[in-house]
């Protein structure tokens, strides 16, 4: 049995693509997207948005809310 270098290299590259493929997990804030963006447009602070989410049963850190707003607003 001979060792096929090109075939082995191609297989390893394909494995790498599968391993390093970015996995998408939706944010728990996406459920409240429209309301969060509307509140943000009304100049609501990040801390207020965090408290609003807590009342809705979504426990999250303020920095998570800030990153989400920066990405989606």
C-alpha atoms as a PDB file:
ATOM      1  CA  UNK A   1       0.000   0.000   0.000  1.00  0.00           C
ATOM      2  CA  UNK A   2       1.430   3.379  -1.012  1.00  0.00           C
ATOM      3  CA  UNK A   3       1.092   6.641   0.820  1.00  0.00           C
ATOM      4  CA  UNK A   4      -0.683   9.271  -1.292  1.00  0.00           C
ATOM      5  CA  UNK A   5       0.594  12.613  -0.003  1.00  0.00           C
ATOM      6  CA  UNK A   6      -1.788  14.793  -2.008  1.00  0.00           C
ATOM      7  CA  UNK A   7      -4.879  12.846  -0.976  1.00  0.00           C
ATOM      8  CA  UNK A   8      -3.819  12.855   2.683  1.00  0.00           C
ATOM      9  CA  UNK A   9      -3.101  16.612   2.615  1.00  0.00           C
ATOM     10  CA  UNK A  10      -6.481  17.288   1.023  1.00  0.00           C
ATOM     11  CA  UNK A  11      -8.242  15.180   3.667  1.00  0.00           C
ATOM     12  CA  UNK A  12      -6.444  17.046   6.460  1.00  0.00           C
ATOM     13  CA  UNK A  13      -7.383  20.438   4.974  1.00  0.00           C
ATOM     14  CA  UNK A  14     -11.032  19.383   4.735  1.00  0.00           C
ATOM     15  CA  UNK A  15     -10.984  18.192   8.351  1.00  0.00           C
ATOM     16  CA  UNK A  16      -9.538  21.550   9.399  1.00  0.00           C
ATOM     17  CA  UNK A  17     -12.372  23.398   7.639  1.00  0.00           C
ATOM     18  CA  UNK A  18     -14.933  21.330   9.509  1.00  0.00           C
ATOM     19  CA  UNK A  19     -13.225  21.801  12.872  1.00  0.00           C
ATOM     20  CA  UNK A  20     -12.662  25.536  12.516  1.00  0.00           C
ATOM     21  CA  UNK A  21     -16.078  26.233  11.040  1.00  0.00           C
ATOM     22  CA  UNK A  22     -17.763  28.948  13.080  1.00  0.00           C
ATOM     23  CA  UNK A  23     -20.839  27.652  14.818  1.00  0.00           C
ATOM     24  CA  UNK A  24     -23.755  30.042  15.099  1.00  0.00           C
ATOM     25  CA  UNK A  25     -25.704  30.067  18.313  1.00  0.00           C
ATOM     26  CA  UNK A  26     -28.485  32.631  18.408  1.00  0.00           C
ATOM     27  CA  UNK A  27     -28.422  35.096  21.279  1.00  0.00           C
ATOM     28  CA  UNK A  28     -31.100  34.941  23.940  1.00  0.00           C
ATOM     29  CA  UNK A  29     -31.519  38.672  23.313  1.00  0.00           C
ATOM     30  CA  UNK A  30     -32.637  38.056  19.723  1.00  0.00           C
ATOM     31  CA  UNK A  31     -36.111  37.117  20.989  1.00  0.00           C
ATOM     32  CA  UNK A  32     -36.558  40.711  22.213  1.00  0.00           C
ATOM     33  CA  UNK A  33     -34.790  42.336  19.254  1.00  0.00           C
ATOM     34  CA  UNK A  34     -37.483  44.764  18.109  1.00  0.00           C
ATOM     35  CA  UNK A  35     -38.338  45.945  21.622  1.00  0.00           C
ATOM     36  CA  UNK A  36     -34.681  46.356  22.605  1.00  0.00           C
ATOM     37  CA  UNK A  37     -33.905  48.382  19.502  1.00  0.00           C
ATOM     38  CA  UNK A  38     -36.991  50.553  20.020  1.00  0.00           C
ATOM     39  CA  UNK A  39     -36.009  51.204  23.646  1.00  0.00           C
ATOM     40  CA  UNK A  40     -32.440  51.974  22.568  1.00  0.00           C
ATOM     41  CA  UNK A  41     -33.691  54.528  20.021  1.00  0.00           C
ATOM     42  CA  UNK A  42     -35.474  56.307  22.893  1.00  0.00           C
ATOM     43  CA  UNK A  43     -32.040  56.903  24.499  1.00  0.00           C
ATOM     44  CA  UNK A  44     -32.491  54.214  27.163  1.00  0.00           C
ATOM     45  CA  UNK A  45     -29.240  53.352  28.918  1.00  0.00           C
ATOM     46  CA  UNK A  46     -27.669  49.910  28.750  1.00  0.00           C
ATOM     47  CA  UNK A  47     -28.282  49.440  32.480  1.00  0.00           C
ATOM     48  CA  UNK A  48     -31.982  50.205  31.993  1.00  0.00           C
ATOM     49  CA  UNK A  49     -32.156  47.712  29.134  1.00  0.00           C
ATOM     50  CA  UNK A  50     -30.513  45.123  31.360  1.00  0.00           C
ATOM     51  CA  UNK A  51     -33.113  45.727  34.100  1.00  0.00           C
ATOM     52  CA  UNK A  52     -35.906  45.505  31.515  1.00  0.00           C
ATOM     53  CA  UNK A  53     -34.556  42.166  30.323  1.00  0.00           C
ATOM     54  CA  UNK A  54     -34.337  40.942  33.912  1.00  0.00           C
ATOM     55  CA  UNK A  55     -38.051  41.715  34.356  1.00  0.00           C
ATOM     56  CA  UNK A  56     -38.668  39.630  31.232  1.00  0.00           C
ATOM     57  CA  UNK A  57     -36.758  36.727  32.804  1.00  0.00           C
ATOM     58  CA  UNK A  58     -33.521  37.146  30.830  1.00  0.00           C
ATOM     59  CA  UNK A  59     -30.547  37.328  33.182  1.00  0.00           C
ATOM     60  CA  UNK A  60     -27.568  38.854  31.408  1.00  0.00           C
ATOM     61  CA  UNK A  61     -24.587  41.090  32.088  1.00  0.00           C
ATOM     62  CA  UNK A  62     -24.678  44.720  30.962  1.00  0.00           C
ATOM     63  CA  UNK A  63     -21.617  44.187  28.758  1.00  0.00           C
ATOM     64  CA  UNK A  64     -23.501  41.486  26.855  1.00  0.00           C
ATOM     65  CA  UNK A  65     -26.351  43.922  26.253  1.00  0.00           C
ATOM     66  CA  UNK A  66     -23.861  46.593  25.121  1.00  0.00           C
ATOM     67  CA  UNK A  67     -22.143  44.223  22.670  1.00  0.00           C
ATOM     68  CA  UNK A  68     -25.527  43.095  21.330  1.00  0.00           C
ATOM     69  CA  UNK A  69     -26.683  46.710  20.868  1.00  0.00           C
ATOM     70  CA  UNK A  70     -23.381  47.667  19.186  1.00  0.00           C
ATOM     71  CA  UNK A  71     -23.755  44.753  16.790  1.00  0.00           C
ATOM     72  CA  UNK A  72     -27.475  45.124  15.996  1.00  0.00           C
ATOM     73  CA  UNK A  73     -28.211  48.852  16.278  1.00  0.00           C
END
